[in-house]
N, C-alpha and C. Protein backbone atom coordinates (compact mmCIF):
# COMPACT_ATOMS: atom_id res chain seq x y z
N UNK A 1 25.58 195.04 157.37
CA UNK A 1 26.63 194.07 157.58
C UNK A 1 26.07 192.68 157.89
N UNK A 2 25.05 192.63 158.72
CA UNK A 2 24.47 191.33 159.07
C UNK A 2 23.92 190.62 157.83
N UNK A 3 23.38 191.38 156.89
CA UNK A 3 22.83 190.80 155.67
C UNK A 3 23.87 190.05 154.85
N UNK A 4 25.14 190.36 155.06
CA UNK A 4 26.23 189.70 154.33
C UNK A 4 26.86 188.55 155.10
N UNK A 5 26.44 188.37 156.33
CA UNK A 5 26.99 187.30 157.17
C UNK A 5 26.45 185.95 156.69
N UNK A 6 27.33 184.99 156.35
CA UNK A 6 26.86 183.70 155.82
C UNK A 6 25.99 182.93 156.81
N UNK A 7 26.26 183.04 158.10
CA UNK A 7 25.42 182.36 159.10
C UNK A 7 24.01 182.95 159.07
N UNK A 8 23.96 184.28 159.06
CA UNK A 8 22.65 184.94 159.03
C UNK A 8 21.89 184.62 157.74
N UNK A 9 22.56 184.69 156.62
CA UNK A 9 21.91 184.42 155.33
C UNK A 9 21.29 183.02 155.34
N UNK A 10 22.03 182.05 155.84
CA UNK A 10 21.54 180.67 155.89
C UNK A 10 20.31 180.56 156.80
N UNK A 11 20.39 181.15 157.99
CA UNK A 11 19.27 181.11 158.94
C UNK A 11 18.05 181.82 158.34
N UNK A 12 18.29 182.98 157.77
CA UNK A 12 17.19 183.78 157.22
C UNK A 12 16.50 183.07 156.06
N UNK A 13 17.25 182.33 155.26
CA UNK A 13 16.64 181.57 154.17
C UNK A 13 15.78 180.42 154.71
N UNK A 14 16.27 179.77 155.76
CA UNK A 14 15.54 178.63 156.32
C UNK A 14 14.36 179.06 157.19
N UNK A 15 14.53 180.16 157.93
CA UNK A 15 13.51 180.62 158.87
C UNK A 15 13.44 182.15 158.83
N UNK A 16 12.75 182.71 157.84
CA UNK A 16 12.70 184.18 157.70
C UNK A 16 12.17 184.90 158.93
N UNK A 17 11.22 184.30 159.63
CA UNK A 17 10.68 184.96 160.82
C UNK A 17 11.74 185.08 161.93
N UNK A 18 12.64 184.11 162.01
CA UNK A 18 13.75 184.18 162.96
C UNK A 18 14.77 185.21 162.47
N UNK A 19 15.05 185.21 161.18
CA UNK A 19 15.98 186.18 160.62
C UNK A 19 15.55 187.61 160.89
N UNK A 20 14.26 187.87 160.80
CA UNK A 20 13.75 189.22 161.06
C UNK A 20 14.03 189.64 162.51
N UNK A 21 13.81 188.72 163.45
CA UNK A 21 14.07 189.03 164.86
C UNK A 21 15.57 189.17 165.12
N UNK A 22 16.38 188.36 164.47
CA UNK A 22 17.83 188.48 164.64
C UNK A 22 18.31 189.84 164.18
N UNK A 23 17.76 190.32 163.07
CA UNK A 23 18.11 191.65 162.58
C UNK A 23 17.69 192.73 163.58
N UNK A 24 16.52 192.57 164.14
CA UNK A 24 16.01 193.55 165.10
C UNK A 24 16.88 193.62 166.34
N UNK A 25 17.32 192.46 166.84
CA UNK A 25 18.05 192.41 168.11
C UNK A 25 19.57 192.52 167.96
N UNK A 26 20.09 192.46 166.73
CA UNK A 26 21.54 192.50 166.52
C UNK A 26 22.11 193.80 167.10
N UNK A 27 23.09 193.66 167.98
CA UNK A 27 23.71 194.83 168.59
C UNK A 27 23.03 195.30 169.85
N UNK A 28 22.04 194.55 170.33
CA UNK A 28 21.31 194.90 171.54
C UNK A 28 21.38 193.74 172.54
N UNK A 29 21.18 194.03 173.82
CA UNK A 29 21.23 192.97 174.84
C UNK A 29 20.19 191.87 174.60
N UNK A 30 19.10 192.21 173.96
CA UNK A 30 18.04 191.23 173.70
C UNK A 30 18.48 190.11 172.78
N UNK A 31 19.56 190.32 172.03
CA UNK A 31 20.03 189.30 171.10
C UNK A 31 20.37 188.01 171.84
N UNK A 32 21.16 188.12 172.89
CA UNK A 32 21.56 186.92 173.65
C UNK A 32 20.35 186.24 174.28
N UNK A 33 19.42 187.02 174.76
CA UNK A 33 18.21 186.44 175.36
C UNK A 33 17.37 185.72 174.30
N UNK A 34 17.27 186.32 173.12
CA UNK A 34 16.51 185.68 172.04
C UNK A 34 17.19 184.39 171.59
N UNK A 35 18.51 184.43 171.45
CA UNK A 35 19.24 183.22 171.06
C UNK A 35 19.02 182.12 172.08
N UNK A 36 19.06 182.48 173.34
CA UNK A 36 18.84 181.50 174.40
C UNK A 36 17.43 180.90 174.30
N UNK A 37 16.45 181.74 174.00
CA UNK A 37 15.07 181.25 173.88
C UNK A 37 14.92 180.31 172.68
N UNK A 38 15.71 180.52 171.63
CA UNK A 38 15.65 179.65 170.47
C UNK A 38 16.19 178.25 170.78
N UNK A 39 17.17 178.20 171.66
CA UNK A 39 17.87 176.95 171.91
C UNK A 39 17.32 176.16 173.09
N UNK A 40 16.34 176.73 173.77
CA UNK A 40 15.72 176.03 174.90
C UNK A 40 14.28 175.69 174.56
N UNK A 41 13.83 174.54 175.04
CA UNK A 41 12.46 174.14 174.80
C UNK A 41 11.54 174.91 175.74
N UNK A 42 10.77 175.80 175.18
CA UNK A 42 9.82 176.59 175.96
C UNK A 42 8.38 176.16 175.66
N UNK A 43 8.24 175.00 175.02
CA UNK A 43 6.91 174.54 174.60
C UNK A 43 6.56 173.19 175.22
N UNK A 44 7.07 172.92 176.39
CA UNK A 44 6.76 171.69 177.12
C UNK A 44 6.98 170.42 176.30
N UNK A 45 8.08 170.37 175.60
CA UNK A 45 8.45 169.17 174.85
C UNK A 45 7.87 169.08 173.46
N UNK A 46 7.10 170.07 173.04
CA UNK A 46 6.50 169.99 171.70
C UNK A 46 7.37 170.66 170.63
N UNK A 47 8.45 171.28 171.05
CA UNK A 47 9.34 171.92 170.08
C UNK A 47 10.13 170.86 169.33
N UNK A 48 10.14 170.95 168.03
CA UNK A 48 10.80 169.96 167.18
C UNK A 48 12.32 170.10 167.22
N UNK A 49 12.82 171.30 167.30
CA UNK A 49 14.26 171.54 167.25
C UNK A 49 14.70 171.91 165.85
N UNK A 50 15.92 172.38 165.76
CA UNK A 50 16.46 172.82 164.48
C UNK A 50 17.29 171.72 163.83
N UNK A 51 17.35 171.72 162.50
CA UNK A 51 18.30 170.83 161.82
C UNK A 51 19.72 171.22 162.26
N UNK A 52 20.63 170.26 162.21
CA UNK A 52 21.98 170.47 162.70
C UNK A 52 22.67 171.66 162.04
N UNK A 53 22.52 171.81 160.72
CA UNK A 53 23.19 172.90 160.04
C UNK A 53 22.67 174.28 160.48
N UNK A 54 21.38 174.36 160.78
CA UNK A 54 20.82 175.62 161.28
C UNK A 54 21.31 175.87 162.70
N UNK A 55 21.37 174.83 163.50
CA UNK A 55 21.88 174.95 164.86
C UNK A 55 23.32 175.46 164.85
N UNK A 56 24.14 174.94 163.96
CA UNK A 56 25.53 175.37 163.87
C UNK A 56 25.61 176.83 163.40
N UNK A 57 24.73 177.23 162.49
CA UNK A 57 24.72 178.62 162.03
C UNK A 57 24.29 179.56 163.16
N UNK A 58 23.31 179.14 163.95
CA UNK A 58 22.89 179.94 165.10
C UNK A 58 24.04 180.09 166.09
N UNK A 59 24.75 179.01 166.34
CA UNK A 59 25.89 179.05 167.25
C UNK A 59 26.98 179.99 166.71
N UNK A 60 27.27 179.88 165.43
CA UNK A 60 28.28 180.75 164.82
C UNK A 60 27.89 182.21 164.88
N UNK A 61 26.63 182.50 164.63
CA UNK A 61 26.15 183.87 164.68
C UNK A 61 26.22 184.41 166.11
N UNK A 62 25.88 183.58 167.06
CA UNK A 62 25.96 183.98 168.47
C UNK A 62 27.40 184.31 168.87
N UNK A 63 28.34 183.48 168.43
CA UNK A 63 29.76 183.73 168.73
C UNK A 63 30.22 185.04 168.09
N UNK A 64 29.78 185.31 166.88
CA UNK A 64 30.17 186.54 166.21
C UNK A 64 29.59 187.76 166.91
N UNK A 65 28.36 187.63 167.42
CA UNK A 65 27.75 188.73 168.16
C UNK A 65 28.54 189.01 169.44
N UNK A 66 28.94 187.95 170.13
CA UNK A 66 29.74 188.12 171.35
C UNK A 66 31.07 188.81 171.06
N UNK A 67 31.69 188.48 169.95
CA UNK A 67 32.97 189.11 169.58
C UNK A 67 32.78 190.58 169.22
N UNK A 68 31.72 190.86 168.47
CA UNK A 68 31.49 192.24 168.03
C UNK A 68 30.94 193.13 169.14
N UNK A 69 30.18 192.54 170.05
CA UNK A 69 29.56 193.31 171.13
C UNK A 69 29.82 192.64 172.48
N UNK A 70 31.08 192.57 172.91
CA UNK A 70 31.40 191.86 174.17
C UNK A 70 30.72 192.47 175.39
N UNK A 71 30.42 193.75 175.34
CA UNK A 71 29.77 194.40 176.47
C UNK A 71 28.32 193.93 176.66
N UNK A 72 27.77 193.27 175.66
CA UNK A 72 26.38 192.80 175.73
C UNK A 72 26.25 191.33 176.07
N UNK A 73 27.38 190.67 176.27
CA UNK A 73 27.36 189.24 176.54
C UNK A 73 26.74 188.97 177.90
N UNK A 74 25.80 188.03 177.91
CA UNK A 74 25.18 187.60 179.16
C UNK A 74 25.55 186.16 179.40
N UNK A 75 25.53 185.76 180.63
CA UNK A 75 25.85 184.38 180.99
C UNK A 75 24.60 183.53 180.81
N UNK A 76 24.50 182.82 179.67
CA UNK A 76 23.35 181.96 179.41
C UNK A 76 23.74 180.49 179.34
N UNK A 77 25.03 180.21 179.43
CA UNK A 77 25.51 178.84 179.32
C UNK A 77 25.61 178.22 180.71
N UNK A 78 24.80 177.22 180.96
CA UNK A 78 24.76 176.56 182.27
C UNK A 78 26.11 176.00 182.64
N UNK A 79 26.81 175.40 181.69
CA UNK A 79 28.08 174.74 181.99
C UNK A 79 29.16 175.73 182.37
N UNK A 80 29.21 176.86 181.70
CA UNK A 80 30.27 177.82 182.00
C UNK A 80 30.01 178.57 183.30
N UNK A 81 28.78 178.52 183.80
CA UNK A 81 28.49 179.21 185.04
C UNK A 81 28.60 178.29 186.26
N UNK A 82 28.84 177.00 186.02
CA UNK A 82 28.94 176.07 187.14
C UNK A 82 30.30 176.18 187.81
N UNK A 83 30.34 175.88 189.09
CA UNK A 83 31.60 175.95 189.83
C UNK A 83 32.48 174.78 189.44
N UNK A 84 33.75 175.05 189.38
CA UNK A 84 34.73 173.99 189.06
C UNK A 84 35.53 173.72 190.31
N UNK A 85 35.74 172.45 190.57
CA UNK A 85 36.49 172.06 191.77
C UNK A 85 37.81 171.48 191.39
């Protein structure tokens, strides 16, 4: 099923090594952790970042994973975990 997802297909074409890990983690708790690691700079400022269209595809794929596997959703969004007054 993931192979037919347009977000995944786009990401996998642009970054096959990321696509392979996304396939491995799809449906597991590690998926959210891996997605979080992709979107945070873990290289002390040397990470170039993703093109906007890839970033949007990653976001779309993450949202689809949360919908399909809500029991695996982890709180990785700083803004949604902050207190509101």
